[in-house]
Structures are given as structure tokens and as C-alpha cells.
Amino acid sequence: MSLREDIFLQGINRQEVPAYRELYSDYYRSLVMYALHFVTRQDVAEDIVQELFVTMWNKQMVFLSYPSFKTYLYTSVRNAAFDYLKHQDIKQRYAEQWAALHEEERRATAAFDEEVYRQLYKAIDRLAPKCREIFLMAMDGKRNEEIAETLHIAIETVKTQKKRAIKQLREQTALSVWMLLFLLKG
């Protein structure tokens, strides 16, 4: 070990700021380049090296020889890069599982919605013709006044037919009142 390396290593072991400045100026770029052999993102490689320097300072690392110091630096960068890659792989697998689960839920919901609408329209088809016509117009978003005007009937007749339709549909299907009301508003 040269005198310069010996003085440098003693400074690192004593946590002297000038030694850490020298560590940064002498090793930062080469450690980042080394990290880039494993990770493809510059910002991640820089974070790995910066985290290494912070860890060395916080843990008050002491090195017995200059070769063990250099080995520690490069091994730590490699291990941190591998940890990052493992974490990315886990995140990717989790994201894929999450997407698959939600796609499955979406399909199940769509199938449920289709069944609800199938039951609803089947029940609507069993309504009396005038009652069915009024209810379908209401489902299309027409107001009571519009329905009455279009069919040339009283507004009270429209209201009565809609109530009758909701009552019959509720009895014929598993649909709740709030669902029927939602369908009438939508």
C-alpha cells in the first residue's frame, strides 16, 4: 500500500471530510459506471453509489487495507444493483398479477352486468305493452312530461305506469328498487 493510499484510508476510517471528498472525486464516476453494467438507468446507478457513501459514513466503516476497501466498494455496488433488480422484478410480477386480477374482476363484473340487463329486459318484455313503452322511454332518459306529450296521455298516467313497471320488475327479478331507479335516471 502506498503512503498516499495509507493516508487516504486512515482518513476514511476516521471519517474525515477531506478523505470523503477524495473518495467522491476518485471513485464516484467509476462506481456509477460499474453500477450501469447491471442497471440501465443513470439515476439508479447514481443513487446506488450515493447510498453506499452515506452508508459508509453512517456505519463508520473501518477498513484494514486498501485492497479490502476497494473490494468493499465494488462488491457493495454490485450487491445493491442486484437488490434493485430483484426489487424491480418483484414489482413487475406484482403489477402483472394486479392487472390480471383486476382484468378478471372486470370480466366478472361485465358478465354480472350483462346478466342483470338480460334479466331486466326479459322482465320488461313481460310488462303490458303501454307500461313497457313508458318504462323504456323513461330508461332512455325522457322526463315524464316528454313521455306524456309524445304518447298523448296525462302525466299522472305516466307516473302510475312507471310505478307499476317498477313494482312488477322488482317482483320478477332480483333487482332492487335503487337499481331500477338508477336505470331510470341513466
Protein backbone atom coordinates (compact mmCIF):
# COMPACT_ATOMS: atom_id res chain seq x y z
CA MET A 1 0.00 0.00 0.00
CA SER A 2 1.41 3.40 -0.97
CA LEU A 3 1.74 6.24 1.51
CA ARG A 4 -0.99 8.17 -0.28
CA GLU A 5 -3.37 5.16 -0.08
CA ASP A 6 -2.47 4.68 3.59
CA ILE A 7 -3.23 8.33 4.45
CA PHE A 8 -6.45 8.20 2.44
CA LEU A 9 -7.62 5.01 4.16
CA GLN A 10 -6.81 6.43 7.62
CA GLY A 11 -8.93 9.48 6.73
CA ILE A 12 -11.83 7.26 5.69
CA ASN A 13 -11.50 5.23 8.88
CA ARG A 14 -11.59 8.45 10.97
CA GLN A 15 -14.45 9.89 8.93
CA GLU A 16 -12.50 12.92 7.87
CA VAL A 17 -14.43 15.09 5.44
CA PRO A 18 -11.42 15.67 3.11
CA ALA A 19 -11.00 11.89 2.76
CA TYR A 20 -14.67 11.52 1.82
CA ARG A 21 -14.31 14.34 -0.71
CA GLU A 22 -11.39 12.46 -2.21
CA LEU A 23 -13.46 9.26 -2.17
CA TYR A 24 -16.15 11.08 -4.12
CA SER A 25 -13.81 12.66 -6.66
CA ASP A 26 -11.74 9.48 -7.19
CA TYR A 27 -14.43 6.79 -7.13
CA TYR A 28 -17.86 8.26 -7.81
CA ARG A 29 -17.75 8.15 -11.62
CA SER A 30 -16.13 4.74 -11.85
CA LEU A 31 -18.59 3.24 -9.35
CA VAL A 32 -21.53 4.72 -11.25
CA MET A 33 -20.16 3.25 -14.48
CA TYR A 34 -19.76 -0.09 -12.74
CA ALA A 35 -23.35 0.07 -11.49
CA LEU A 36 -24.50 0.81 -15.04
CA HIS A 37 -23.23 -2.63 -16.05
CA PHE A 38 -26.10 -4.04 -14.00
CA VAL A 39 -28.82 -1.37 -14.04
CA THR A 40 -29.67 0.55 -17.17
CA ARG A 41 -30.75 3.82 -15.63
CA GLN A 42 -28.21 6.52 -14.83
CA ASP A 43 -30.24 7.92 -11.93
CA VAL A 44 -30.50 4.50 -10.29
CA ALA A 45 -26.75 3.90 -10.66
CA GLU A 46 -26.04 7.30 -9.09
CA ASP A 47 -28.45 6.58 -6.23
CA ILE A 48 -26.72 3.26 -5.55
CA VAL A 49 -23.30 4.91 -5.26
CA GLN A 50 -24.56 7.81 -3.18
CA GLU A 51 -26.32 5.40 -0.85
CA LEU A 52 -23.07 3.45 -0.49
CA PHE A 53 -21.18 6.58 0.56
CA VAL A 54 -23.90 7.53 3.04
CA THR A 55 -23.91 4.01 4.50
CA MET A 56 -20.14 4.05 4.90
CA TRP A 57 -20.37 7.36 6.76
CA ASN A 58 -23.32 6.36 8.95
CA LYS A 59 -21.88 2.97 9.87
CA GLN A 60 -18.44 4.47 10.48
CA MET A 61 -16.83 1.81 8.36
CA VAL A 62 -13.23 0.87 9.16
CA PHE A 63 -11.04 -0.85 6.57
CA LEU A 64 -7.86 -2.77 7.34
CA SER A 65 -6.30 -2.48 3.91
CA TYR A 66 -6.67 -0.51 0.73
CA PRO A 67 -7.46 -3.64 -1.36
CA SER A 68 -10.23 -4.65 1.08
CA PHE A 69 -11.58 -1.09 0.84
CA LYS A 70 -11.74 -1.24 -2.98
CA THR A 71 -13.25 -4.72 -2.87
CA TYR A 72 -15.89 -3.45 -0.44
CA LEU A 73 -16.82 -0.55 -2.75
CA TYR A 74 -17.30 -2.63 -5.88
CA THR A 75 -18.94 -5.56 -4.11
CA SER A 76 -21.38 -3.21 -2.38
CA VAL A 77 -22.31 -1.55 -5.66
CA ARG A 78 -22.82 -4.92 -7.35
CA ASN A 79 -24.96 -6.23 -4.47
CA ALA A 80 -27.04 -3.05 -4.34
CA ALA A 81 -27.59 -3.26 -8.09
CA PHE A 82 -28.71 -6.89 -7.78
CA ASP A 83 -31.04 -5.94 -4.92
CA TYR A 84 -32.51 -3.18 -7.07
CA LEU A 85 -33.04 -5.59 -9.97
CA LYS A 86 -34.69 -8.16 -7.69
CA HIS A 87 -36.97 -5.46 -6.32
CA GLN A 88 -37.85 -4.35 -9.87
CA ASP A 89 -38.63 -7.94 -10.81
CA ILE A 90 -40.90 -8.33 -7.78
CA LYS A 91 -42.63 -5.04 -8.59
CA GLN A 92 -43.14 -6.16 -12.19
CA ARG A 93 -44.58 -9.51 -11.15
CA TYR A 94 -46.86 -7.80 -8.62
CA ALA A 95 -48.05 -5.32 -11.27
CA GLU A 96 -48.78 -8.17 -13.68
CA GLN A 97 -50.67 -10.12 -11.02
CA TRP A 98 -52.59 -6.99 -10.02
CA ALA A 99 -53.51 -6.29 -13.66
CA ALA A 100 -54.59 -9.90 -14.20
CA LEU A 101 -56.70 -9.87 -11.04
CA HIS A 102 -58.41 -6.64 -12.00
CA GLU A 103 -59.00 -7.89 -15.53
CA GLU A 104 -60.63 -10.96 -14.03
CA GLU A 105 -62.77 -8.76 -11.77
CA ARG A 106 -63.69 -6.55 -14.74
CA ARG A 107 -64.76 -9.59 -16.75
CA ALA A 108 -66.77 -10.94 -13.82
CA THR A 109 -68.43 -7.56 -13.34
CA ALA A 110 -69.18 -7.30 -17.06
CA ALA A 111 -70.69 -10.79 -17.03
CA PHE A 112 -72.76 -9.87 -13.97
CA ASP A 113 -73.88 -6.61 -15.60
CA GLU A 114 -74.85 -8.49 -18.76
CA GLU A 115 -76.88 -10.96 -16.71
CA VAL A 116 -78.60 -8.15 -14.80
CA TYR A 117 -79.54 -6.41 -18.05
CA ARG A 118 -80.63 -9.70 -19.61
CA GLN A 119 -82.94 -10.37 -16.65
CA LEU A 120 -84.18 -6.80 -16.67
CA TYR A 121 -85.04 -6.76 -20.37
CA LYS A 122 -86.62 -10.19 -20.13
CA ALA A 123 -88.82 -8.86 -17.31
CA ILE A 124 -89.53 -5.64 -19.25
CA ASP A 125 -90.72 -7.75 -22.19
CA ARG A 126 -93.34 -9.29 -19.86
CA LEU A 127 -94.83 -5.88 -18.98
CA ALA A 128 -98.10 -4.76 -20.54
CA PRO A 129 -97.40 -3.03 -23.89
CA LYS A 130 -98.22 0.55 -22.79
CA CYS A 131 -96.43 0.08 -19.44
CA ARG A 132 -93.37 -1.31 -21.27
CA GLU A 133 -93.35 1.58 -23.74
CA ILE A 134 -93.46 4.19 -20.95
CA PHE A 135 -90.81 2.42 -18.90
CA LEU A 136 -88.44 2.11 -21.88
CA MET A 137 -88.87 5.79 -22.68
CA ALA A 138 -88.04 6.60 -19.05
CA MET A 139 -84.96 4.39 -19.28
CA ASP A 140 -83.90 6.38 -22.34
CA GLY A 141 -83.83 9.45 -20.08
CA LYS A 142 -87.10 11.07 -21.13
CA ARG A 143 -88.88 13.13 -18.48
CA ASN A 144 -92.45 12.39 -17.51
CA GLU A 145 -93.68 15.48 -19.38
CA GLU A 146 -91.92 14.39 -22.59
CA ILE A 147 -93.37 10.88 -22.36
CA ALA A 148 -96.88 12.23 -21.74
CA GLU A 149 -96.63 14.65 -24.66
CA THR A 150 -95.20 12.01 -27.04
CA LEU A 151 -97.86 9.42 -26.16
CA HIS A 152 -100.69 11.96 -25.77
CA ILE A 153 -101.51 10.83 -22.24
CA ALA A 154 -101.68 12.53 -18.84
CA ILE A 155 -98.54 12.97 -16.74
CA GLU A 156 -100.28 11.11 -13.90
CA THR A 157 -100.77 8.12 -16.21
CA VAL A 158 -97.04 8.12 -16.97
CA LYS A 159 -96.21 8.21 -13.25
CA THR A 160 -98.68 5.43 -12.49
CA GLN A 161 -97.37 3.22 -15.32
CA LYS A 162 -93.77 3.75 -14.21
CA LYS A 163 -94.64 2.80 -10.61
CA ARG A 164 -96.49 -0.28 -11.86
CA ALA A 165 -93.50 -1.25 -14.04
CA ILE A 166 -91.03 -0.87 -11.15
CA LYS A 167 -93.25 -2.94 -8.86
CA GLN A 168 -93.62 -5.74 -11.41
CA LEU A 169 -89.93 -5.71 -12.30
CA ARG A 170 -88.95 -5.86 -8.64
CA GLU A 171 -91.24 -8.85 -8.16
CA GLN A 172 -89.99 -10.63 -11.30
CA THR A 173 -86.26 -10.04 -10.85
CA ALA A 174 -83.67 -9.85 -8.13
CA LEU A 175 -83.15 -6.18 -8.93
CA SER A 176 -83.52 -3.79 -6.04
CA VAL A 177 -85.54 -0.59 -6.21
CA TRP A 178 -82.43 1.57 -6.17
CA MET A 179 -81.08 -0.31 -9.21
CA LEU A 180 -84.30 0.27 -11.10
CA LEU A 181 -84.30 3.94 -10.13
CA PHE A 182 -80.67 4.21 -11.24
CA LEU A 183 -81.57 2.67 -14.59
CA LEU A 184 -84.45 5.13 -14.96
CA LYS A 185 -82.13 8.08 -14.32
CA GLY A 186 -79.28 6.74 -16.52
